[in-house]
Amino acid sequence: MAKRVQLVLNQDVSKLGKTGDLVEVAPGYARNYLVPQGMAVRATAGLLKQVERRREKERLRLLEEKEQAQTRKTALESVGSFTIRKQVGEGDAIFGTVTDPEVVAAILEATNQEIDRRGITLPDIHKTGVYKAEIKLHPEVTAVVNIEVLPL
């Protein structure tokens, strides 16, 4: 069995790794494809130190993002509930439904925080009342807020 070669990837390679990853591949794959295409370079001691510093910076950046998301979560949950006014018919049934952009607008009005509408999970809302909505602020941080639907 041939000896494996260590490389540092310069760009994402499917089924192998992401930019900056240290990978071990067959010598022929490295010599004939990855290195000539500029997708990877041979791992040296200096390059490994550089990669380690880059990983540490990235880890700190991700930690900072998570802390900011936690702060935003506590701010959103401390508000209590967000009010959305809709036109109402018989039996407290609303015309249409409450949409993600309406929730984003209510949050922006109440807290001045921009929320990505794609991170909002709403239940089916067809009547007035109080509903719980989940807002994904970070892959590991989700806030649960109350949405109060009232008649106009």
Protein backbone atom coordinates (compact mmCIF):
# COMPACT_ATOMS: atom_id res chain seq x y z
CA MET A 1 0.00 0.00 0.00
CA ALA A 2 1.33 3.41 -0.99
CA LYS A 3 2.21 6.08 1.53
CA ARG A 4 -0.36 8.87 1.99
CA VAL A 5 0.51 12.54 1.37
CA GLN A 6 -0.59 15.42 3.61
CA LEU A 7 -2.02 18.49 1.85
CA VAL A 8 -3.69 21.73 2.91
CA LEU A 9 -6.72 22.59 0.75
CA ASN A 10 -6.84 26.01 -0.93
CA GLN A 11 -10.52 25.63 -1.81
CA ASP A 12 -13.46 23.37 -1.02
CA VAL A 13 -13.20 19.94 -2.64
CA SER A 14 -16.33 17.79 -2.58
CA LYS A 15 -16.06 14.60 -0.55
CA LEU A 16 -12.60 15.65 0.69
CA GLY A 17 -12.78 18.82 2.78
CA LYS A 18 -13.17 22.57 3.05
CA THR A 19 -10.69 25.40 2.54
CA GLY A 20 -7.84 25.22 5.06
CA ASP A 21 -8.42 21.58 6.01
CA LEU A 22 -5.44 19.27 6.43
CA VAL A 23 -6.16 16.09 4.45
CA GLU A 24 -4.32 12.88 3.64
CA VAL A 25 -4.67 11.62 0.07
CA ALA A 26 -3.02 9.16 -2.24
CA PRO A 27 0.21 10.48 -3.82
CA GLY A 28 -1.15 10.15 -7.37
CA TYR A 29 -4.31 12.12 -6.55
CA ALA A 30 -2.16 14.89 -5.05
CA ARG A 31 0.48 14.90 -7.80
CA ASN A 32 -1.86 14.58 -10.80
CA TYR A 33 -4.95 16.51 -9.78
CA LEU A 34 -5.04 18.56 -6.55
CA VAL A 35 -1.65 20.32 -6.73
CA PRO A 36 -1.64 21.11 -10.52
CA GLN A 37 -5.23 22.45 -10.31
CA GLY A 38 -4.21 24.74 -7.43
CA MET A 39 -6.73 23.12 -5.11
CA ALA A 40 -4.11 22.15 -2.52
CA VAL A 41 -0.49 22.60 -1.46
CA ARG A 42 1.86 20.25 0.35
CA ALA A 43 1.74 20.60 4.12
CA THR A 44 4.83 22.18 5.67
CA ALA A 45 5.50 23.11 9.30
CA GLY A 46 4.98 26.83 8.61
CA LEU A 47 1.81 26.21 6.65
CA LEU A 48 0.42 24.00 9.42
CA LYS A 49 0.99 26.82 11.94
CA GLN A 50 -0.81 29.23 9.62
CA VAL A 51 -3.75 26.84 9.28
CA GLU A 52 -3.93 26.43 13.06
CA ARG A 53 -3.99 30.23 13.58
CA ARG A 54 -6.73 30.56 10.94
CA ARG A 55 -8.79 27.84 12.63
CA GLU A 56 -8.44 29.54 16.01
CA LYS A 57 -9.59 32.88 14.54
CA GLU A 58 -12.57 31.17 12.92
CA ARG A 59 -13.46 29.42 16.20
CA LEU A 60 -13.35 32.75 18.07
CA ARG A 61 -15.49 34.42 15.38
CA LEU A 62 -18.12 31.66 15.61
CA LEU A 63 -18.11 31.91 19.41
CA GLU A 64 -18.66 35.68 19.17
CA GLU A 65 -21.58 35.15 16.75
CA LYS A 66 -23.17 32.69 19.16
CA GLU A 67 -22.81 35.14 22.08
CA GLN A 68 -24.47 37.89 20.00
CA ALA A 69 -27.31 35.51 19.14
CA GLN A 70 -27.77 34.69 22.85
CA THR A 71 -27.99 38.43 23.61
CA ARG A 72 -30.57 38.93 20.86
CA LYS A 73 -32.54 35.94 22.18
CA THR A 74 -32.79 37.40 25.69
CA ALA A 75 -33.80 40.79 24.24
CA LEU A 76 -36.55 39.22 22.12
CA GLU A 77 -37.90 37.01 24.90
CA SER A 78 -37.92 39.86 27.44
CA VAL A 79 -40.35 41.90 25.29
CA GLY A 80 -43.22 39.53 26.09
CA SER A 81 -45.40 39.46 23.01
CA PHE A 82 -45.52 41.13 19.62
CA THR A 83 -48.86 42.42 18.37
CA ILE A 84 -50.12 41.95 14.84
CA ARG A 85 -53.47 43.46 13.81
CA LYS A 86 -55.54 41.70 11.14
CA GLN A 87 -58.99 42.16 9.65
CA VAL A 88 -61.45 39.79 11.36
CA GLY A 89 -64.63 38.07 10.15
CA GLU A 90 -67.16 35.87 11.95
CA GLY A 91 -66.04 33.80 14.93
CA ASP A 92 -62.70 35.63 15.35
CA ALA A 93 -61.45 34.18 12.06
CA ILE A 94 -58.90 36.41 10.36
CA PHE A 95 -58.83 37.09 6.64
CA GLY A 96 -55.74 35.33 5.28
CA THR A 97 -53.04 34.29 7.69
CA VAL A 98 -50.14 35.82 9.59
CA THR A 99 -46.99 35.71 7.47
CA ASP A 100 -43.28 35.80 8.25
CA PRO A 101 -42.80 39.36 6.89
CA GLU A 102 -45.57 40.61 9.22
CA VAL A 103 -43.78 39.05 12.19
CA VAL A 104 -40.46 40.60 11.06
CA ALA A 105 -42.16 44.01 10.80
CA ALA A 106 -43.70 43.67 14.29
CA ILE A 107 -40.33 42.70 15.80
CA LEU A 108 -38.55 45.55 14.00
CA GLU A 109 -41.15 48.04 15.23
CA ALA A 110 -40.96 46.84 18.84
CA THR A 111 -37.22 46.18 19.27
CA ASN A 112 -35.37 47.72 16.27
CA GLN A 113 -33.82 44.29 15.56
CA GLU A 114 -33.53 42.96 12.03
CA ILE A 115 -34.59 39.31 11.88
CA ASP A 116 -34.19 37.04 8.86
CA ARG A 117 -37.69 35.94 7.85
CA ARG A 118 -36.39 32.53 6.72
CA GLY A 119 -35.51 31.70 10.33
CA ILE A 120 -39.09 32.14 11.59
CA THR A 121 -41.31 29.11 12.19
CA LEU A 122 -44.98 29.97 12.67
CA PRO A 123 -47.92 27.71 13.46
CA ASP A 124 -50.99 27.96 11.21
CA ILE A 125 -52.75 31.10 12.42
CA HIS A 126 -56.36 31.50 11.27
CA LYS A 127 -57.99 33.04 14.37
CA THR A 128 -57.20 35.83 16.79
CA GLY A 129 -55.29 34.85 19.92
CA VAL A 130 -51.77 34.29 21.22
CA TYR A 131 -49.41 31.95 19.38
CA LYS A 132 -45.81 30.86 19.92
CA ALA A 133 -43.29 31.43 17.13
CA GLU A 134 -39.74 30.09 16.95
CA ILE A 135 -37.00 32.35 15.61
CA LYS A 136 -33.71 30.74 14.67
CA LEU A 137 -30.98 33.30 15.37
CA HIS A 138 -28.00 30.92 15.11
CA PRO A 139 -27.66 27.18 14.40
CA GLU A 140 -27.54 26.59 18.17
CA VAL A 141 -29.75 29.47 19.41
CA THR A 142 -33.52 29.59 18.97
CA ALA A 143 -35.81 32.17 20.59
CA VAL A 144 -39.48 31.46 21.33
CA VAL A 145 -41.70 34.55 21.26
CA ASN A 146 -45.44 35.17 21.65
CA ILE A 147 -47.35 36.56 18.68
CA GLU A 148 -50.64 38.19 19.66
CA VAL A 149 -53.14 38.49 16.81
CA LEU A 150 -55.77 41.17 17.42
CA PRO A 151 -58.63 42.57 15.31
CA LEU A 152 -58.15 45.90 13.53
